Amino acid sequence: MAKKKKEEVADAAPEQPQEPMLRILAQYTKDASFENPNAPDSLRADQSAPSIGINIEIGRQMMEDNTVEVVLMLSAKAERDGKPVFLCELEYAGLFAFAGISEEQLQPMILIECPRLLFPFARQIMADMTQNGGYPPILLDPPDFASMFRDEMMRRAAAQEGSTAVN
């Protein structure tokens, strides 16, 4: 009889709120490209080091069932004396599942935490591609995804203010 009362009390306990959860369901290369247009001349040892420009973008696509695909788009363009040396581009993606995350926490999670989890793998692929192209590996510094997110939110807010001022 005592057991029955304990079960009733347990059944009457309020449900605990679900803990926030972010899970990586898959990681994959969507697209990768390495162009070496002036090889083998661009690989000669007697040349100066090229200037390298790095670009990082984040894409996302909400899926059904509380999942999102986040794509980290990295590009490295090297030039020497105005001529292209190499172009390395990578789209590295992850499929993420969420639960227990509020609407206001969702965008920072998607645009900060998900890219942060993907970046080390994308960095390694970029390093391998440049090294396999005959150049020293590009070792990208981890970007400040939080700062990138803030900049994007400020840009969107400014664009929103500009569009409402026109109306």
Protein backbone atom coordinates (compact mmCIF):
# COMPACT_ATOMS: atom_id res chain seq x y z
CA MET A 1 0.00 0.00 0.00
CA ALA A 2 2.85 2.39 0.75
CA LYS A 3 4.25 1.81 -2.73
CA LYS A 4 0.98 2.82 -4.32
CA LYS A 5 0.98 6.19 -2.58
CA LYS A 6 4.55 6.93 -3.74
CA GLU A 7 3.59 6.16 -7.35
CA GLU A 8 0.61 8.50 -7.14
CA VAL A 9 2.82 11.29 -5.79
CA ALA A 10 5.36 10.72 -8.57
CA ASP A 11 2.62 10.85 -11.21
CA ALA A 12 1.30 14.14 -9.79
CA ALA A 13 4.73 15.86 -9.93
CA PRO A 14 4.84 18.69 -12.49
CA GLU A 15 6.80 18.03 -15.67
CA GLN A 16 10.28 19.46 -15.62
CA PRO A 17 11.05 21.87 -18.46
CA GLN A 18 13.13 20.24 -21.17
CA GLU A 19 16.83 21.02 -20.89
CA PRO A 20 18.29 22.89 -23.89
CA MET A 21 19.72 20.42 -26.38
CA LEU A 22 21.83 20.86 -29.51
CA ARG A 23 22.85 17.69 -31.32
CA ILE A 24 24.90 17.20 -34.48
CA LEU A 25 23.08 14.68 -36.66
CA ALA A 26 25.55 14.80 -39.57
CA GLN A 27 28.57 16.70 -40.91
CA TYR A 28 29.52 16.73 -44.58
CA THR A 29 31.27 18.51 -47.42
CA LYS A 30 28.68 20.03 -49.74
CA ASP A 31 31.17 21.49 -52.21
CA ALA A 32 34.94 21.82 -52.41
CA SER A 33 37.10 23.38 -55.10
CA PHE A 34 40.78 24.14 -55.53
CA GLU A 35 41.95 26.05 -58.58
CA ASN A 36 45.64 26.35 -59.37
CA PRO A 37 45.51 28.28 -62.67
CA ASN A 38 49.17 29.19 -63.10
CA ALA A 39 50.83 25.99 -61.87
CA PRO A 40 53.58 24.96 -62.18
CA ASP A 41 55.00 28.50 -62.61
CA SER A 42 53.23 29.75 -59.47
CA LEU A 43 54.90 26.99 -57.42
CA ARG A 44 58.52 28.04 -58.11
CA ALA A 45 60.51 28.55 -54.91
CA ASP A 46 62.09 31.83 -56.04
CA GLN A 47 58.79 33.77 -55.88
CA SER A 48 57.50 36.02 -53.16
CA ALA A 49 54.72 34.91 -50.90
CA PRO A 50 51.26 35.64 -52.32
CA SER A 51 48.73 37.87 -50.60
CA ILE A 52 45.81 35.81 -49.37
CA GLY A 53 42.27 37.05 -48.81
CA ILE A 54 39.94 34.99 -46.63
CA ASN A 55 36.15 35.13 -46.68
CA ILE A 56 33.78 33.36 -44.29
CA GLU A 57 30.00 33.21 -44.64
CA ILE A 58 27.30 31.23 -42.87
CA GLY A 59 24.20 29.86 -44.51
CA ARG A 60 21.27 28.10 -42.92
CA GLN A 61 18.15 26.30 -43.95
CA MET A 62 15.45 25.37 -41.49
CA MET A 63 14.12 21.87 -42.01
CA GLU A 64 11.05 20.18 -40.71
CA ASP A 65 11.21 18.37 -37.38
CA ASN A 66 13.27 20.98 -35.45
CA THR A 67 16.44 20.50 -37.48
CA VAL A 68 18.53 23.01 -39.38
CA GLU A 69 21.29 22.68 -41.94
CA VAL A 70 24.11 25.14 -41.26
CA VAL A 71 26.66 25.70 -44.03
CA LEU A 72 30.06 27.24 -43.38
CA MET A 73 31.35 28.78 -46.62
CA LEU A 74 35.08 29.44 -46.64
CA SER A 75 37.17 30.84 -49.44
CA ALA A 76 40.85 31.71 -49.73
CA LYS A 77 42.07 33.63 -52.75
CA ALA A 78 45.82 34.04 -53.24
CA GLU A 79 47.35 36.59 -55.63
CA ARG A 80 50.87 37.58 -56.55
CA ASP A 81 51.55 40.69 -58.64
CA GLY A 82 47.86 40.93 -59.55
CA LYS A 83 47.78 37.38 -60.91
CA PRO A 84 45.79 34.58 -59.29
CA VAL A 85 47.91 31.97 -57.54
CA PHE A 86 45.15 29.76 -56.20
CA LEU A 87 41.50 29.82 -55.22
CA CYS A 88 40.29 27.45 -52.52
CA GLU A 89 36.55 27.23 -51.74
CA LEU A 90 34.71 25.00 -49.33
CA GLU A 91 31.10 24.57 -48.26
CA TYR A 92 31.08 22.44 -45.13
CA ALA A 93 27.73 21.69 -43.54
CA GLY A 94 26.13 20.14 -40.53
CA LEU A 95 22.62 18.99 -39.76
CA PHE A 96 21.66 20.01 -36.23
CA ALA A 97 18.72 19.10 -34.00
CA PHE A 98 17.39 21.41 -31.29
CA ALA A 99 15.08 21.00 -28.33
CA GLY A 100 14.23 23.12 -25.32
CA ILE A 101 15.57 26.29 -26.94
CA SER A 102 13.51 29.47 -26.90
CA GLU A 103 12.84 31.45 -30.07
CA GLU A 104 15.21 34.25 -29.01
CA GLN A 105 18.01 31.75 -28.32
CA LEU A 106 17.57 29.87 -31.60
CA GLN A 107 19.22 32.33 -34.02
CA PRO A 108 22.36 32.81 -31.88
CA MET A 109 22.58 29.03 -31.50
CA ILE A 110 22.32 28.54 -35.27
CA LEU A 111 24.70 31.36 -36.25
CA ILE A 112 27.25 31.14 -33.44
CA GLU A 113 27.37 27.68 -31.85
CA CYS A 114 26.74 25.55 -34.94
CA PRO A 115 29.49 27.23 -37.03
CA ARG A 116 31.81 27.04 -34.02
CA LEU A 117 31.30 23.26 -33.96
CA LEU A 118 31.86 22.92 -37.72
CA PHE A 119 34.88 25.21 -38.01
CA PRO A 120 37.71 22.89 -36.87
CA PHE A 121 36.73 20.30 -39.48
CA ALA A 122 36.40 22.90 -42.26
CA ARG A 123 39.74 24.43 -41.25
CA GLN A 124 41.45 21.06 -41.63
CA ILE A 125 39.91 20.45 -45.06
CA MET A 126 41.07 23.90 -46.25
CA ALA A 127 44.59 23.22 -44.95
CA ASP A 128 44.67 19.86 -46.72
CA MET A 129 43.41 21.32 -50.02
CA THR A 130 46.04 24.09 -50.12
CA GLN A 131 48.79 21.69 -49.10
CA ASN A 132 47.69 19.16 -51.72
CA GLY A 133 47.77 22.02 -54.25
CA GLY A 134 51.49 22.46 -53.60
CA TYR A 135 51.36 25.38 -51.15
CA PRO A 136 51.85 25.62 -47.41
CA PRO A 137 48.62 24.69 -45.61
CA ILE A 138 46.34 27.60 -44.80
CA LEU A 139 45.70 27.47 -41.07
CA LEU A 140 42.73 29.75 -40.52
CA ASP A 141 42.35 31.45 -37.17
CA PRO A 142 39.01 30.68 -35.53
CA PRO A 143 36.63 33.52 -36.36
CA ASP A 144 34.61 35.39 -33.76
CA PHE A 145 31.19 34.02 -34.71
CA ALA A 146 29.52 36.04 -31.93
CA SER A 147 30.88 39.26 -33.41
CA MET A 148 29.80 38.17 -36.90
CA PHE A 149 26.30 37.51 -35.52
CA ARG A 150 26.13 40.94 -33.83
CA ASP A 151 27.27 42.64 -37.05
CA GLU A 152 24.62 40.78 -39.05
CA MET A 153 21.88 41.70 -36.57
CA MET A 154 22.95 45.37 -36.66
CA ARG A 155 23.00 45.32 -40.47
CA ARG A 156 19.50 43.80 -40.55
CA ALA A 157 18.20 46.35 -38.03
CA ALA A 158 19.65 49.21 -40.07
CA ALA A 159 18.13 47.78 -43.26
CA GLN A 160 14.77 47.40 -41.48
CA GLU A 161 14.89 51.03 -40.29
CA GLY A 162 15.80 52.18 -43.78
CA SER A 163 12.92 50.29 -45.39
CA THR A 164 10.37 51.58 -42.86
CA ALA A 165 11.61 55.16 -43.27
CA VAL A 166 11.00 54.95 -47.02
CA ASN A 167 7.39 53.79 -46.50
